[in-house]
Amino acid sequence: MKQKLRAIRRFLRQTRSTIKFIFGMPDYDRYLKHWYANHAAPGAFPMSEKEYYMCALRDRYEKGGVSRCC
């Protein structure tokens, strides 16, 4: 039973991540995985969730460019 619940939770996390990616929404979990895989160093820490979202909003809206496909 616990394995089924874990599998369902993992599926839901992956689905949420995929939907966020498709719509261009920031995904903090994906950021953390990337940060720990590529940028982790002693004494260095990833951005907090709030800092991450604020950075993502600045990148999206303050650049002045169009961020859509059509």
N, C-alpha and C. Protein backbone atom coordinates (compact mmCIF):
# COMPACT_ATOMS: atom_id res chain seq x y z
N MET A 1 0.81 -1.20 0.00
CA MET A 1 0.00 0.00 0.00
C MET A 1 0.86 1.27 0.00
N LYS A 2 1.94 1.27 0.82
CA LYS A 2 2.81 2.45 0.88
C LYS A 2 3.51 2.68 -0.44
N GLN A 3 3.87 1.60 -1.13
CA GLN A 3 4.53 1.75 -2.43
C GLN A 3 3.59 2.37 -3.45
N LYS A 4 2.33 2.00 -3.40
CA LYS A 4 1.35 2.58 -4.33
C LYS A 4 1.18 4.07 -4.06
N LEU A 5 1.11 4.44 -2.78
CA LEU A 5 0.98 5.85 -2.45
C LEU A 5 2.21 6.65 -2.89
N ARG A 6 3.39 6.09 -2.70
CA ARG A 6 4.61 6.76 -3.15
C ARG A 6 4.61 6.92 -4.66
N ALA A 7 4.18 5.89 -5.36
CA ALA A 7 4.13 5.96 -6.83
C ALA A 7 3.14 7.02 -7.28
N ILE A 8 2.01 7.12 -6.61
CA ILE A 8 1.00 8.13 -6.96
C ILE A 8 1.55 9.52 -6.69
N ARG A 9 2.19 9.70 -5.53
CA ARG A 9 2.77 11.02 -5.22
C ARG A 9 3.84 11.42 -6.23
N ARG A 10 4.70 10.47 -6.60
CA ARG A 10 5.74 10.75 -7.58
C ARG A 10 5.12 11.13 -8.93
N PHE A 11 4.08 10.40 -9.33
CA PHE A 11 3.40 10.70 -10.58
C PHE A 11 2.79 12.10 -10.54
N LEU A 12 2.16 12.46 -9.43
CA LEU A 12 1.55 13.78 -9.32
C LEU A 12 2.60 14.89 -9.34
N ARG A 13 3.75 14.67 -8.66
CA ARG A 13 4.83 15.66 -8.70
C ARG A 13 5.36 15.85 -10.12
N GLN A 14 5.55 14.74 -10.83
CA GLN A 14 6.05 14.82 -12.19
C GLN A 14 5.03 15.50 -13.11
N THR A 15 3.76 15.21 -12.91
CA THR A 15 2.71 15.84 -13.71
C THR A 15 2.67 17.33 -13.45
N ARG A 16 2.75 17.73 -12.18
CA ARG A 16 2.76 19.16 -11.84
C ARG A 16 3.96 19.86 -12.46
N SER A 17 5.11 19.22 -12.39
CA SER A 17 6.32 19.79 -12.96
C SER A 17 6.20 19.95 -14.48
N THR A 18 5.64 18.96 -15.13
CA THR A 18 5.46 19.01 -16.58
C THR A 18 4.50 20.13 -16.97
N ILE A 19 3.40 20.26 -16.24
CA ILE A 19 2.44 21.32 -16.54
C ILE A 19 3.08 22.69 -16.36
N LYS A 20 3.83 22.86 -15.28
CA LYS A 20 4.52 24.14 -15.06
C LYS A 20 5.50 24.43 -16.19
N PHE A 21 6.22 23.42 -16.63
CA PHE A 21 7.18 23.59 -17.72
C PHE A 21 6.47 24.01 -19.01
N ILE A 22 5.37 23.37 -19.32
CA ILE A 22 4.63 23.67 -20.55
C ILE A 22 4.14 25.12 -20.55
N PHE A 23 3.65 25.59 -19.41
CA PHE A 23 3.09 26.94 -19.34
C PHE A 23 4.11 28.00 -18.94
N GLY A 24 5.37 27.60 -18.80
CA GLY A 24 6.43 28.57 -18.51
C GLY A 24 6.42 29.07 -17.08
N MET A 25 5.85 28.32 -16.17
CA MET A 25 5.82 28.71 -14.76
C MET A 25 7.08 28.22 -14.07
N PRO A 26 7.60 28.99 -13.13
CA PRO A 26 8.81 28.55 -12.42
C PRO A 26 8.52 27.32 -11.57
N ASP A 27 9.48 26.40 -11.52
CA ASP A 27 9.34 25.15 -10.77
C ASP A 27 10.50 25.05 -9.79
N TYR A 28 10.23 25.33 -8.53
CA TYR A 28 11.27 25.38 -7.51
C TYR A 28 11.93 24.02 -7.30
N ASP A 29 11.15 22.94 -7.34
CA ASP A 29 11.73 21.60 -7.18
C ASP A 29 12.74 21.29 -8.27
N ARG A 30 12.42 21.66 -9.49
CA ARG A 30 13.34 21.44 -10.61
C ARG A 30 14.60 22.28 -10.43
N TYR A 31 14.43 23.52 -9.97
CA TYR A 31 15.57 24.39 -9.70
C TYR A 31 16.50 23.77 -8.66
N LEU A 32 15.92 23.25 -7.56
CA LEU A 32 16.74 22.65 -6.52
C LEU A 32 17.52 21.45 -7.03
N LYS A 33 16.88 20.60 -7.81
CA LYS A 33 17.59 19.45 -8.37
C LYS A 33 18.75 19.91 -9.23
N HIS A 34 18.51 20.90 -10.08
CA HIS A 34 19.57 21.43 -10.94
C HIS A 34 20.68 22.05 -10.11
N TRP A 35 20.31 22.85 -9.11
CA TRP A 35 21.30 23.55 -8.30
C TRP A 35 22.21 22.56 -7.59
N TYR A 36 21.62 21.55 -6.95
CA TYR A 36 22.44 20.59 -6.21
C TYR A 36 23.28 19.73 -7.15
N ALA A 37 22.81 19.48 -8.35
CA ALA A 37 23.57 18.67 -9.30
C ALA A 37 24.72 19.45 -9.93
N ASN A 38 24.56 20.78 -10.10
CA ASN A 38 25.53 21.55 -10.87
C ASN A 38 26.26 22.66 -10.12
N HIS A 39 25.67 23.19 -9.06
CA HIS A 39 26.24 24.39 -8.45
C HIS A 39 26.57 24.25 -6.97
N ALA A 40 26.27 23.14 -6.36
CA ALA A 40 26.48 22.98 -4.92
C ALA A 40 27.97 23.04 -4.59
N ALA A 41 28.28 23.78 -3.55
CA ALA A 41 29.66 23.92 -3.07
C ALA A 41 29.60 24.15 -1.56
N PRO A 42 30.65 23.82 -0.87
CA PRO A 42 30.65 24.06 0.58
C PRO A 42 30.42 25.54 0.90
N GLY A 43 29.49 25.81 1.77
CA GLY A 43 29.21 27.18 2.16
C GLY A 43 28.26 27.91 1.23
N ALA A 44 27.87 27.30 0.13
CA ALA A 44 26.93 27.92 -0.81
C ALA A 44 25.55 27.32 -0.60
N PHE A 45 24.54 28.15 -0.74
CA PHE A 45 23.17 27.70 -0.53
C PHE A 45 22.31 28.15 -1.70
N PRO A 46 21.31 27.35 -2.08
CA PRO A 46 20.41 27.78 -3.17
C PRO A 46 19.50 28.91 -2.69
N MET A 47 18.87 29.57 -3.63
CA MET A 47 17.92 30.62 -3.29
C MET A 47 16.76 30.01 -2.52
N SER A 48 16.16 30.81 -1.66
CA SER A 48 14.95 30.35 -0.99
C SER A 48 13.83 30.31 -2.03
N GLU A 49 12.73 29.69 -1.67
CA GLU A 49 11.62 29.59 -2.62
C GLU A 49 11.11 30.98 -3.00
N LYS A 50 11.04 31.88 -2.04
CA LYS A 50 10.58 33.24 -2.32
C LYS A 50 11.56 33.97 -3.24
N GLU A 51 12.85 33.86 -2.95
CA GLU A 51 13.86 34.49 -3.81
C GLU A 51 13.79 33.94 -5.23
N TYR A 52 13.60 32.63 -5.34
CA TYR A 52 13.53 32.00 -6.65
C TYR A 52 12.36 32.53 -7.47
N TYR A 53 11.18 32.62 -6.85
CA TYR A 53 10.01 33.11 -7.57
C TYR A 53 10.16 34.59 -7.95
N MET A 54 10.74 35.39 -7.05
CA MET A 54 10.95 36.80 -7.37
C MET A 54 11.93 36.95 -8.53
N CYS A 55 12.97 36.14 -8.55
CA CYS A 55 13.94 36.16 -9.65
C CYS A 55 13.26 35.74 -10.95
N ALA A 56 12.44 34.71 -10.89
CA ALA A 56 11.73 34.25 -12.08
C ALA A 56 10.78 35.31 -12.61
N LEU A 57 10.09 36.01 -11.71
CA LEU A 57 9.17 37.08 -12.14
C LEU A 57 9.94 38.23 -12.78
N ARG A 58 11.08 38.60 -12.17
CA ARG A 58 11.90 39.67 -12.76
C ARG A 58 12.38 39.28 -14.15
N ASP A 59 12.86 38.05 -14.28
CA ASP A 59 13.35 37.59 -15.58
C ASP A 59 12.24 37.61 -16.62
N ARG A 60 11.05 37.27 -16.21
CA ARG A 60 9.95 37.17 -17.17
C ARG A 60 9.40 38.54 -17.58
N TYR A 61 9.25 39.46 -16.62
CA TYR A 61 8.54 40.69 -16.91
C TYR A 61 9.40 41.94 -17.03
N GLU A 62 10.60 41.96 -16.50
CA GLU A 62 11.40 43.17 -16.55
C GLU A 62 12.34 43.24 -17.75
N LYS A 63 12.46 42.17 -18.48
CA LYS A 63 13.35 42.19 -19.65
C LYS A 63 12.76 42.97 -20.81
N GLY A 64 11.44 43.08 -20.84
CA GLY A 64 10.81 43.86 -21.89
C GLY A 64 10.58 43.08 -23.18
N GLY A 65 11.03 41.85 -23.25
CA GLY A 65 10.83 41.05 -24.45
C GLY A 65 9.52 40.29 -24.40
N VAL A 66 9.16 39.75 -25.53
CA VAL A 66 7.95 38.96 -25.63
C VAL A 66 8.30 37.53 -25.26
N SER A 67 7.53 36.94 -24.35
CA SER A 67 7.81 35.58 -23.92
C SER A 67 6.65 34.66 -24.28
N ARG A 68 6.29 34.66 -25.54
CA ARG A 68 5.22 33.78 -26.00
C ARG A 68 5.59 33.22 -27.36
N CYS A 69 4.89 32.22 -27.79
CA CYS A 69 5.25 31.57 -29.04
C CYS A 69 4.63 32.25 -30.27
N CYS A 70 3.52 32.94 -30.10
CA CYS A 70 2.83 33.52 -31.28
C CYS A 70 2.61 35.02 -31.12
